[in-house]
Amino acid sequence: MTGRCGMAAAYAFELLTEFTALKDRLRTCQTEARAHLPADLQPGRLDLDALRG
């Protein structure tokens, strides 16, 4: 997720959102990888608590 391809980071992050039992880890991942994520997946824009699960 920390490579140069933002699209790859977005796909990897979106895949991880399916594991809603790991929301705390996903939140950390979202924060750490924010420089590589598109705007709609940024902390403050995507509410991880609203995800199904």
PDB file of N, CA and C in Angstrom:
ATOM      1  N   MET A   1       0.807  -1.206   0.000  1.00  0.00           N
ATOM      2  CA  MET A   1       0.000   0.000   0.000  1.00  0.00           C
ATOM      3  C   MET A   1       0.841   1.257   0.000  1.00  0.00           C
ATOM      4  N   THR A   2       2.102   1.148   0.263  1.00  0.00           N
ATOM      5  CA  THR A   2       2.923   2.346   0.339  1.00  0.00           C
ATOM      6  C   THR A   2       3.782   2.543  -0.896  1.00  0.00           C
ATOM      7  N   GLY A   3       3.454   1.816  -1.958  1.00  0.00           N
ATOM      8  CA  GLY A   3       4.188   1.987  -3.202  1.00  0.00           C
ATOM      9  C   GLY A   3       3.784   3.261  -3.915  1.00  0.00           C
ATOM     10  N   ARG A   4       4.240   3.423  -5.109  1.00  0.00           N
ATOM     11  CA  ARG A   4       3.968   4.651  -5.853  1.00  0.00           C
ATOM     12  C   ARG A   4       2.622   4.657  -6.553  1.00  0.00           C
ATOM     13  N   CYS A   5       2.004   3.510  -6.704  1.00  0.00           N
ATOM     14  CA  CYS A   5       0.738   3.430  -7.432  1.00  0.00           C
ATOM     15  C   CYS A   5      -0.453   3.649  -6.485  1.00  0.00           C
ATOM     16  N   GLY A   6      -1.064   4.812  -6.597  1.00  0.00           N
ATOM     17  CA  GLY A   6      -2.209   5.135  -5.760  1.00  0.00           C
ATOM     18  C   GLY A   6      -3.391   4.217  -6.003  1.00  0.00           C
ATOM     19  N   MET A   7      -3.560   3.778  -7.231  1.00  0.00           N
ATOM     20  CA  MET A   7      -4.683   2.899  -7.552  1.00  0.00           C
ATOM     21  C   MET A   7      -4.519   1.554  -6.847  1.00  0.00           C
ATOM     22  N   ALA A   8      -3.307   1.039  -6.799  1.00  0.00           N
ATOM     23  CA  ALA A   8      -3.054  -0.220  -6.097  1.00  0.00           C
ATOM     24  C   ALA A   8      -3.335  -0.066  -4.606  1.00  0.00           C
ATOM     25  N   ALA A   9      -2.951   1.064  -4.026  1.00  0.00           N
ATOM     26  CA  ALA A   9      -3.230   1.320  -2.614  1.00  0.00           C
ATOM     27  C   ALA A   9      -4.729   1.382  -2.371  1.00  0.00           C
ATOM     28  N   ALA A  10      -5.457   2.014  -3.268  1.00  0.00           N
ATOM     29  CA  ALA A  10      -6.912   2.111  -3.132  1.00  0.00           C
ATOM     30  C   ALA A  10      -7.559   0.733  -3.203  1.00  0.00           C
ATOM     31  N   TYR A  11      -7.152  -0.077  -4.153  1.00  0.00           N
ATOM     32  CA  TYR A  11      -7.712  -1.429  -4.272  1.00  0.00           C
ATOM     33  C   TYR A  11      -7.396  -2.266  -3.034  1.00  0.00           C
ATOM     34  N   ALA A  12      -6.164  -2.179  -2.545  1.00  0.00           N
ATOM     35  CA  ALA A  12      -5.781  -2.943  -1.359  1.00  0.00           C
ATOM     36  C   ALA A  12      -6.583  -2.490  -0.147  1.00  0.00           C
ATOM     37  N   PHE A  13      -6.748  -1.195   0.016  1.00  0.00           N
ATOM     38  CA  PHE A  13      -7.509  -0.679   1.154  1.00  0.00           C
ATOM     39  C   PHE A  13      -8.964  -1.105   1.062  1.00  0.00           C
ATOM     40  N   GLU A  14      -9.555  -0.992  -0.117  1.00  0.00           N
ATOM     41  CA  GLU A  14     -10.953  -1.386  -0.283  1.00  0.00           C
ATOM     42  C   GLU A  14     -11.146  -2.870  -0.015  1.00  0.00           C
ATOM     43  N   LEU A  15     -10.187  -3.679  -0.375  1.00  0.00           N
ATOM     44  CA  LEU A  15     -10.258  -5.103  -0.063  1.00  0.00           C
ATOM     45  C   LEU A  15     -10.249  -5.307   1.450  1.00  0.00           C
ATOM     46  N   LEU A  16      -9.426  -4.567   2.142  1.00  0.00           N
ATOM     47  CA  LEU A  16      -9.354  -4.694   3.597  1.00  0.00           C
ATOM     48  C   LEU A  16     -10.631  -4.257   4.300  1.00  0.00           C
ATOM     49  N   THR A  17     -11.422  -3.392   3.672  1.00  0.00           N
ATOM     50  CA  THR A  17     -12.672  -2.954   4.300  1.00  0.00           C
ATOM     51  C   THR A  17     -13.667  -4.096   4.448  1.00  0.00           C
ATOM     52  N   GLU A  18     -13.476  -5.182   3.736  1.00  0.00           N
ATOM     53  CA  GLU A  18     -14.351  -6.351   3.867  1.00  0.00           C
ATOM     54  C   GLU A  18     -14.147  -7.069   5.205  1.00  0.00           C
ATOM     55  N   PHE A  19     -13.020  -6.823   5.855  1.00  0.00           N
ATOM     56  CA  PHE A  19     -12.710  -7.450   7.140  1.00  0.00           C
ATOM     57  C   PHE A  19     -13.092  -6.491   8.261  1.00  0.00           C
ATOM     58  N   THR A  20     -14.403  -6.300   8.451  1.00  0.00           N
ATOM     59  CA  THR A  20     -14.890  -5.301   9.384  1.00  0.00           C
ATOM     60  C   THR A  20     -14.557  -5.634  10.840  1.00  0.00           C
ATOM     61  N   ALA A  21     -14.232  -6.868  11.133  1.00  0.00           N
ATOM     62  CA  ALA A  21     -13.850  -7.226  12.500  1.00  0.00           C
ATOM     63  C   ALA A  21     -12.493  -6.616  12.873  1.00  0.00           C
ATOM     64  N   LEU A  22     -11.756  -6.151  11.889  1.00  0.00           N
ATOM     65  CA  LEU A  22     -10.436  -5.579  12.121  1.00  0.00           C
ATOM     66  C   LEU A  22     -10.432  -4.060  11.918  1.00  0.00           C
ATOM     67  N   LYS A  23     -11.508  -3.391  12.319  1.00  0.00           N
ATOM     68  CA  LYS A  23     -11.637  -1.954  12.058  1.00  0.00           C
ATOM     69  C   LYS A  23     -10.518  -1.129  12.676  1.00  0.00           C
ATOM     70  N   ASP A  24     -10.043  -1.507  13.855  1.00  0.00           N
ATOM     71  CA  ASP A  24      -8.962  -0.736  14.477  1.00  0.00           C
ATOM     72  C   ASP A  24      -7.696  -0.800  13.635  1.00  0.00           C
ATOM     73  N   ARG A  25      -7.385  -1.975  13.138  1.00  0.00           N
ATOM     74  CA  ARG A  25      -6.205  -2.111  12.269  1.00  0.00           C
ATOM     75  C   ARG A  25      -6.415  -1.383  10.953  1.00  0.00           C
ATOM     76  N   LEU A  26      -7.629  -1.442  10.438  1.00  0.00           N
ATOM     77  CA  LEU A  26      -7.946  -0.749   9.194  1.00  0.00           C
ATOM     78  C   LEU A  26      -7.819   0.761   9.385  1.00  0.00           C
ATOM     79  N   ARG A  27      -8.248   1.260  10.522  1.00  0.00           N
ATOM     80  CA  ARG A  27      -8.132   2.684  10.823  1.00  0.00           C
ATOM     81  C   ARG A  27      -6.655   3.097  10.863  1.00  0.00           C
ATOM     82  N   THR A  28      -5.817   2.264  11.467  1.00  0.00           N
ATOM     83  CA  THR A  28      -4.378   2.545  11.503  1.00  0.00           C
ATOM     84  C   THR A  28      -3.805   2.529  10.092  1.00  0.00           C
ATOM     85  N   CYS A  29      -4.201   1.548   9.317  1.00  0.00           N
ATOM     86  CA  CYS A  29      -3.741   1.437   7.928  1.00  0.00           C
ATOM     87  C   CYS A  29      -4.162   2.669   7.133  1.00  0.00           C
ATOM     88  N   GLN A  30      -5.392   3.111   7.329  1.00  0.00           N
ATOM     89  CA  GLN A  30      -5.913   4.277   6.630  1.00  0.00           C
ATOM     90  C   GLN A  30      -5.082   5.522   6.974  1.00  0.00           C
ATOM     91  N   THR A  31      -4.732   5.658   8.217  1.00  0.00           N
ATOM     92  CA  THR A  31      -3.949   6.813   8.657  1.00  0.00           C
ATOM     93  C   THR A  31      -2.525   6.751   8.117  1.00  0.00           C
ATOM     94  N   GLU A  32      -1.905   5.585   8.220  1.00  0.00           N
ATOM     95  CA  GLU A  32      -0.510   5.437   7.789  1.00  0.00           C
ATOM     96  C   GLU A  32      -0.352   5.557   6.272  1.00  0.00           C
ATOM     97  N   ALA A  33      -1.337   5.118   5.527  1.00  0.00           N
ATOM     98  CA  ALA A  33      -1.243   5.111   4.058  1.00  0.00           C
ATOM     99  C   ALA A  33      -1.951   6.293   3.414  1.00  0.00           C
ATOM    100  N   ARG A  34      -2.342   7.277   4.199  1.00  0.00           N
ATOM    101  CA  ARG A  34      -3.161   8.373   3.652  1.00  0.00           C
ATOM    102  C   ARG A  34      -2.498   9.107   2.488  1.00  0.00           C
ATOM    103  N   ALA A  35      -1.196   9.163   2.455  1.00  0.00           N
ATOM    104  CA  ALA A  35      -0.511   9.844   1.352  1.00  0.00           C
ATOM    105  C   ALA A  35      -0.685   9.094   0.036  1.00  0.00           C
ATOM    106  N   HIS A  36      -1.053   7.827   0.114  1.00  0.00           N
ATOM    107  CA  HIS A  36      -1.181   7.005  -1.087  1.00  0.00           C
ATOM    108  C   HIS A  36      -2.629   6.691  -1.443  1.00  0.00           C
ATOM    109  N   LEU A  37      -3.566   7.134  -0.608  1.00  0.00           N
ATOM    110  CA  LEU A  37      -4.982   6.838  -0.849  1.00  0.00           C
ATOM    111  C   LEU A  37      -5.669   8.013  -1.532  1.00  0.00           C
ATOM    112  N   PRO A  38      -6.651   7.721  -2.398  1.00  0.00           N
ATOM    113  CA  PRO A  38      -7.408   8.799  -3.016  1.00  0.00           C
ATOM    114  C   PRO A  38      -8.261   9.524  -1.969  1.00  0.00           C
ATOM    115  N   ALA A  39      -8.749  10.688  -2.313  1.00  0.00           N
ATOM    116  CA  ALA A  39      -9.472  11.553  -1.374  1.00  0.00           C
ATOM    117  C   ALA A  39     -10.664  10.867  -0.716  1.00  0.00           C
ATOM    118  N   ASP A  40     -11.399  10.041  -1.455  1.00  0.00           N
ATOM    119  CA  ASP A  40     -12.598   9.429  -0.881  1.00  0.00           C
ATOM    120  C   ASP A  40     -12.299   8.346   0.155  1.00  0.00           C
ATOM    121  N   LEU A  41     -11.061   7.904   0.260  1.00  0.00           N
ATOM    122  CA  LEU A  41     -10.674   6.898   1.255  1.00  0.00           C
ATOM    123  C   LEU A  41      -9.874   7.498   2.401  1.00  0.00           C
ATOM    124  N   GLN A  42      -9.695   8.803   2.401  1.00  0.00           N
ATOM    125  CA  GLN A  42      -8.914   9.490   3.427  1.00  0.00           C
ATOM    126  C   GLN A  42      -9.630   9.474   4.768  1.00  0.00           C
ATOM    127  N   PRO A  43      -8.848   9.485   5.870  1.00  0.00           N
ATOM    128  CA  PRO A  43      -9.469   9.648   7.188  1.00  0.00           C
ATOM    129  C   PRO A  43     -10.282  10.941   7.211  1.00  0.00           C
ATOM    130  N   GLY A  44     -11.436  10.895   7.790  1.00  0.00           N
ATOM    131  CA  GLY A  44     -12.310  12.062   7.819  1.00  0.00           C
ATOM    132  C   GLY A  44     -13.295  12.098   6.668  1.00  0.00           C
ATOM    133  N   ARG A  45     -13.000  11.414   5.585  1.00  0.00           N
ATOM    134  CA  ARG A  45     -13.914  11.333   4.441  1.00  0.00           C
ATOM    135  C   ARG A  45     -14.649  10.002   4.420  1.00  0.00           C
ATOM    136  N   LEU A  46     -13.957   8.931   4.785  1.00  0.00           N
ATOM    137  CA  LEU A  46     -14.567   7.608   4.817  1.00  0.00           C
ATOM    138  C   LEU A  46     -14.761   7.221   6.272  1.00  0.00           C
ATOM    139  N   ASP A  47     -16.009   7.049   6.669  1.00  0.00           N
ATOM    140  CA  ASP A  47     -16.327   6.649   8.043  1.00  0.00           C
ATOM    141  C   ASP A  47     -16.272   5.140   8.152  1.00  0.00           C
ATOM    142  N   LEU A  48     -15.239   4.632   8.765  1.00  0.00           N
ATOM    143  CA  LEU A  48     -15.068   3.188   8.881  1.00  0.00           C
ATOM    144  C   LEU A  48     -16.134   2.557   9.774  1.00  0.00           C
ATOM    145  N   ASP A  49     -16.698   3.339  10.692  1.00  0.00           N
ATOM    146  CA  ASP A  49     -17.740   2.812  11.556  1.00  0.00           C
ATOM    147  C   ASP A  49     -19.057   2.601  10.807  1.00  0.00           C
ATOM    148  N   ALA A  50     -19.208   3.243   9.659  1.00  0.00           N
ATOM    149  CA  ALA A  50     -20.426   3.093   8.860  1.00  0.00           C
ATOM    150  C   ALA A  50     -20.365   1.861   7.940  1.00  0.00           C
ATOM    151  N   LEU A  51     -19.209   1.222   7.866  1.00  0.00           N
ATOM    152  CA  LEU A  51     -19.081   0.030   7.032  1.00  0.00           C
ATOM    153  C   LEU A  51     -19.915  -1.094   7.614  1.00  0.00           C
ATOM    154  N   ARG A  52     -20.412  -1.932   6.734  1.00  0.00           N
ATOM    155  CA  ARG A  52     -21.235  -3.052   7.209  1.00  0.00           C
ATOM    156  C   ARG A  52     -20.392  -3.994   8.038  1.00  0.00           C
ATOM    157  N   GLY A  53     -21.044  -4.678   8.931  1.00  0.00           N
ATOM    158  CA  GLY A  53     -20.334  -5.651   9.735  1.00  0.00           C
ATOM    159  C   GLY A  53     -20.658  -5.496  11.117  1.00  0.00           C
TER     160      GLY A  53
END
